[in-house]
Amino acid sequence: MARLEPRPGERWLDVATGTGAVAIRAARAGAEVVGVDITPALLEQARANAEGLPIRWDEGDAQNLPYEDASFDVVVSCFGAVFAPDDQAVARELGRVCRRGGRLGLTAWRAEEGLRSVYERAEIGPQDPDPTRWSDEAHVRRLLGDAFELELEPGVWRASFETPERMWEWWSTGVPPFVAMLRGLEPERRAAVREEMLAVGERRRANGRVEFTRDYVLVLGRRR
């Protein structure tokens, strides 16, 4: 949000808004915000989190956005659109709805072996396609370079929890892709994922807390 510098009256689109964190911050800065997500339950949570802020919440697919060309001054997605299966369709839509001279901001995780092992030990196959492909600069430039002047910045996401149980509580309710994955699991498989995540938390204890970090990439763009 700091890098995109929201301004009063700007038209913002938060793609795969999840629980609405980015959309809410932009609206508080005075932007005119639309949050779109493919999961109705997450939109309900986002609406509740917004506490009456004038944000429009739409159900829609990042691969086929329900908006006219050049509708927005700023298009963002925080660890959201990168999970859609067709990255070429997503890239095309991000460019299509952003006006000339408009700004793009999206984040993508780098691969994390600790989390990958959680899925493997719970007998859940790898995500296909892998969303961490959006953290590869060459891949992102192939997808978005024709439409945007791009700048990629590395970053580190940090979170601290009192206990592994607190980490699980937050992760299983506040990380939209993870929440969506859990909803599709049988109770036994969900319990296995929980146990593996608690084990990850135990391994990351430091100074009496669970300290979790993960590398990501911030992709910034200016529409050509």
Protein backbone atom coordinates (compact mmCIF):
# COMPACT_ATOMS: atom_id res chain seq x y z
CA MET A 1 0.00 0.00 0.00
CA ALA A 2 2.84 2.38 0.79
CA ARG A 3 4.43 1.78 -2.62
CA LEU A 4 1.13 2.32 -4.48
CA GLU A 5 0.28 5.52 -2.56
CA PRO A 6 -3.55 5.46 -2.63
CA ARG A 7 -5.12 8.84 -3.34
CA PRO A 8 -8.63 10.15 -2.70
CA GLY A 9 -10.99 9.55 -5.62
CA GLU A 10 -8.84 6.96 -7.40
CA ARG A 11 -10.63 3.90 -8.77
CA TRP A 12 -9.08 0.79 -7.19
CA LEU A 13 -9.71 -2.87 -8.01
CA ASP A 14 -8.59 -5.49 -5.50
CA VAL A 15 -8.50 -8.79 -7.40
CA ALA A 16 -9.01 -11.97 -5.34
CA THR A 17 -9.65 -9.70 -2.38
CA GLY A 18 -10.13 -12.57 0.07
CA THR A 19 -11.03 -11.09 3.45
CA GLY A 20 -10.62 -7.57 2.09
CA ALA A 21 -7.48 -6.32 3.85
CA VAL A 22 -6.08 -4.37 0.89
CA ALA A 23 -9.45 -3.06 -0.26
CA ILE A 24 -10.18 -1.76 3.24
CA ARG A 25 -6.85 0.06 3.50
CA ALA A 26 -7.36 1.72 0.12
CA ALA A 27 -10.89 2.80 1.04
CA ARG A 28 -9.65 4.31 4.30
CA ALA A 29 -7.22 6.39 2.22
CA GLY A 30 -10.16 7.76 0.21
CA ALA A 31 -10.01 5.60 -2.91
CA GLU A 32 -13.16 4.35 -4.64
CA VAL A 33 -12.71 0.61 -4.21
CA VAL A 34 -14.11 -2.57 -5.72
CA GLY A 35 -13.12 -5.91 -4.22
CA VAL A 36 -13.72 -9.02 -6.33
CA ASP A 37 -13.34 -12.65 -5.31
CA ILE A 38 -14.49 -16.03 -6.59
CA THR A 39 -15.52 -17.29 -3.11
CA PRO A 40 -18.80 -15.92 -1.67
CA ALA A 41 -17.90 -16.87 1.92
CA LEU A 42 -14.75 -14.77 1.77
CA LEU A 43 -16.70 -11.82 0.39
CA GLU A 44 -19.07 -12.09 3.35
CA GLN A 45 -16.11 -11.96 5.71
CA ALA A 46 -14.61 -9.00 3.81
CA ARG A 47 -17.92 -7.14 4.02
CA ALA A 48 -18.01 -7.68 7.77
CA ASN A 49 -14.38 -6.59 8.15
CA ALA A 50 -15.08 -3.37 6.22
CA GLU A 51 -17.45 -2.13 8.96
CA GLY A 52 -19.55 -0.04 6.61
CA LEU A 53 -16.81 1.44 4.43
CA PRO A 54 -18.18 2.27 0.94
CA ILE A 55 -16.55 -0.66 -0.84
CA ARG A 56 -18.32 -2.56 -3.60
CA TRP A 57 -17.92 -6.34 -3.24
CA ASP A 58 -18.36 -8.44 -6.39
CA GLU A 59 -18.24 -12.15 -7.01
CA GLY A 60 -16.00 -12.82 -10.01
CA ASP A 61 -13.07 -14.70 -11.49
CA ALA A 62 -9.60 -13.17 -11.88
CA GLN A 63 -9.36 -14.97 -15.22
CA ASN A 64 -12.47 -13.21 -16.58
CA LEU A 65 -13.09 -9.98 -14.71
CA PRO A 66 -16.61 -8.51 -15.04
CA TYR A 67 -15.44 -4.95 -15.81
CA GLU A 68 -14.98 -2.80 -18.89
CA ASP A 69 -11.59 -2.01 -20.38
CA ALA A 70 -9.52 0.67 -18.59
CA SER A 71 -12.02 0.88 -15.71
CA PHE A 72 -9.49 1.39 -12.90
CA ASP A 73 -6.59 3.65 -11.96
CA VAL A 74 -5.00 0.99 -9.74
CA VAL A 75 -5.25 -2.80 -9.90
CA VAL A 76 -3.92 -4.84 -6.98
CA SER A 77 -3.84 -8.42 -5.76
CA CYS A 78 -2.25 -9.53 -2.49
CA PHE A 79 -1.34 -13.23 -2.71
CA GLY A 80 -4.61 -13.78 -4.56
CA ALA A 81 -4.70 -13.76 -8.36
CA VAL A 82 -1.50 -15.83 -8.44
CA PHE A 83 -3.56 -18.85 -7.33
CA ALA A 84 -5.79 -18.83 -10.43
CA PRO A 85 -5.03 -21.74 -12.79
CA ASP A 86 -4.58 -19.77 -16.03
CA ASP A 87 -1.85 -17.20 -15.43
CA GLN A 88 -2.00 -15.92 -19.01
CA ALA A 89 -5.70 -15.14 -18.62
CA VAL A 90 -5.04 -13.40 -15.31
CA ALA A 91 -2.25 -11.28 -16.82
CA ARG A 92 -4.46 -10.34 -19.77
CA GLU A 93 -7.28 -9.26 -17.46
CA LEU A 94 -5.05 -7.25 -15.14
CA GLY A 95 -3.80 -5.28 -18.11
CA ARG A 96 -7.21 -4.94 -19.74
CA VAL A 97 -9.00 -3.31 -16.79
CA CYS A 98 -6.13 -0.93 -15.89
CA ARG A 99 -6.15 2.44 -17.66
CA ARG A 100 -3.13 3.74 -19.54
CA GLY A 101 -0.76 5.25 -16.98
CA GLY A 102 -2.47 3.34 -14.18
CA ARG A 103 -0.65 1.35 -11.52
CA LEU A 104 -0.37 -2.35 -10.78
CA GLY A 105 0.68 -4.03 -7.55
CA LEU A 106 0.65 -7.73 -6.77
CA THR A 107 2.48 -10.06 -4.45
CA ALA A 108 3.60 -13.65 -4.96
CA TRP A 109 5.14 -16.15 -2.58
CA ARG A 110 8.48 -17.75 -3.22
CA ALA A 111 8.63 -21.52 -2.71
CA GLU A 112 8.74 -22.53 0.97
CA GLU A 113 9.90 -26.04 1.73
CA GLY A 114 8.49 -26.08 5.26
CA LEU A 115 4.96 -25.50 4.02
CA ARG A 116 5.43 -27.81 1.05
CA SER A 117 6.25 -30.61 3.49
CA VAL A 118 2.98 -29.97 5.34
CA TYR A 119 1.02 -30.87 2.23
CA GLU A 120 3.23 -33.83 1.42
CA ARG A 121 3.00 -35.39 4.88
CA ALA A 122 -0.76 -34.88 4.87
CA GLU A 123 -0.82 -36.65 1.47
CA ILE A 124 -2.05 -33.58 -0.40
CA GLY A 125 -0.54 -33.20 -3.85
CA PRO A 126 1.31 -30.04 -4.90
CA GLN A 127 -0.70 -27.14 -6.24
CA ASP A 128 -0.98 -27.32 -10.01
CA PRO A 129 -0.03 -24.94 -11.43
CA ASP A 130 2.34 -23.74 -8.73
CA PRO A 131 1.45 -20.16 -7.64
CA THR A 132 5.10 -19.47 -6.79
CA ARG A 133 5.77 -19.27 -10.54
CA TRP A 134 4.67 -15.61 -10.24
CA SER A 135 7.79 -14.93 -8.14
CA ASP A 136 10.03 -15.78 -11.10
CA GLU A 137 11.04 -12.51 -12.78
CA ALA A 138 11.41 -13.95 -16.27
CA HIS A 139 7.97 -15.55 -16.06
CA VAL A 140 6.33 -12.34 -14.79
CA ARG A 141 7.94 -10.26 -17.51
CA ARG A 142 6.66 -12.68 -20.14
CA LEU A 143 3.15 -12.38 -18.71
CA LEU A 144 2.96 -8.66 -17.98
CA GLY A 145 5.87 -6.95 -19.73
CA ASP A 146 3.98 -5.99 -22.86
CA ALA A 147 1.26 -4.21 -20.91
CA PHE A 148 3.26 -2.76 -17.99
CA GLU A 149 6.59 -1.18 -17.21
CA LEU A 150 7.61 -3.49 -14.37
CA GLU A 151 9.65 -3.33 -11.21
CA LEU A 152 10.13 -6.36 -8.94
CA GLU A 153 11.15 -6.05 -5.30
CA PRO A 154 11.99 -8.87 -2.88
CA GLY A 155 10.35 -8.85 0.51
CA VAL A 156 10.02 -10.87 3.71
CA TRP A 157 6.65 -11.47 5.36
CA ARG A 158 6.87 -11.82 9.13
CA ALA A 159 4.36 -13.02 11.69
CA SER A 160 4.64 -13.81 15.38
CA PHE A 161 2.31 -15.97 17.44
CA GLU A 162 2.06 -16.88 21.11
CA THR A 163 1.72 -20.60 20.43
CA PRO A 164 1.49 -23.04 17.49
CA GLU A 165 -2.25 -23.29 18.24
CA ARG A 166 -2.62 -19.54 17.80
CA MET A 167 -0.74 -19.80 14.52
CA TRP A 168 -3.13 -22.51 13.31
CA GLU A 169 -6.17 -20.51 14.40
CA TRP A 170 -5.03 -17.51 12.37
CA TRP A 171 -3.78 -19.51 9.38
CA SER A 172 -6.94 -21.62 9.08
CA THR A 173 -9.27 -18.61 9.18
CA GLY A 174 -7.30 -15.66 7.78
CA VAL A 175 -5.30 -16.98 4.80
CA PRO A 176 -7.86 -17.23 1.98
CA PRO A 177 -6.19 -19.85 -0.28
CA PHE A 178 -5.49 -22.03 2.76
CA VAL A 179 -9.06 -21.59 4.01
CA ALA A 180 -10.41 -22.59 0.60
CA MET A 181 -8.15 -25.65 0.54
CA LEU A 182 -9.31 -26.77 3.99
CA ARG A 183 -12.96 -26.51 2.98
CA GLY A 184 -12.38 -29.17 0.34
CA LEU A 185 -10.83 -31.72 2.72
CA GLU A 186 -12.42 -34.60 4.58
CA PRO A 187 -12.24 -34.22 8.41
CA GLU A 188 -9.41 -36.77 8.73
CA ARG A 189 -7.26 -35.00 6.14
CA ARG A 190 -7.99 -31.60 7.68
CA ALA A 191 -6.89 -32.97 11.07
CA ALA A 192 -3.66 -34.24 9.49
CA VAL A 193 -2.94 -30.80 8.03
CA ARG A 194 -3.55 -29.24 11.45
CA GLU A 195 -1.12 -31.60 13.13
CA GLU A 196 1.56 -30.90 10.53
CA MET A 197 1.08 -27.13 10.88
CA LEU A 198 1.37 -27.39 14.66
CA ALA A 199 4.63 -29.28 14.15
CA VAL A 200 5.89 -26.48 11.89
CA GLY A 201 5.01 -24.01 14.63
CA GLU A 202 6.92 -26.01 17.24
CA ARG A 203 10.02 -26.00 15.03
CA ARG A 204 9.82 -22.22 14.73
CA ARG A 205 9.65 -21.41 18.42
CA ALA A 206 12.11 -18.69 19.42
CA ASN A 207 12.25 -16.62 22.58
CA GLY A 208 8.97 -18.03 23.81
CA ARG A 209 7.01 -17.31 20.61
CA VAL A 210 6.43 -18.83 17.20
CA GLU A 211 8.30 -16.69 14.67
CA PHE A 212 7.34 -17.28 11.05
CA THR A 213 8.90 -15.65 8.00
CA ARG A 214 8.39 -16.22 4.30
CA ASP A 215 10.01 -14.66 1.24
CA TYR A 216 7.85 -13.03 -1.40
CA VAL A 217 8.09 -10.76 -4.44
CA LEU A 218 6.30 -7.45 -4.90
CA VAL A 219 5.48 -6.76 -8.56
CA LEU A 220 4.86 -3.09 -9.37
CA GLY A 221 3.79 -1.88 -12.79
CA ARG A 222 2.82 1.23 -14.76
CA ARG A 223 0.35 0.63 -17.63
CA ARG A 224 1.88 1.42 -21.00
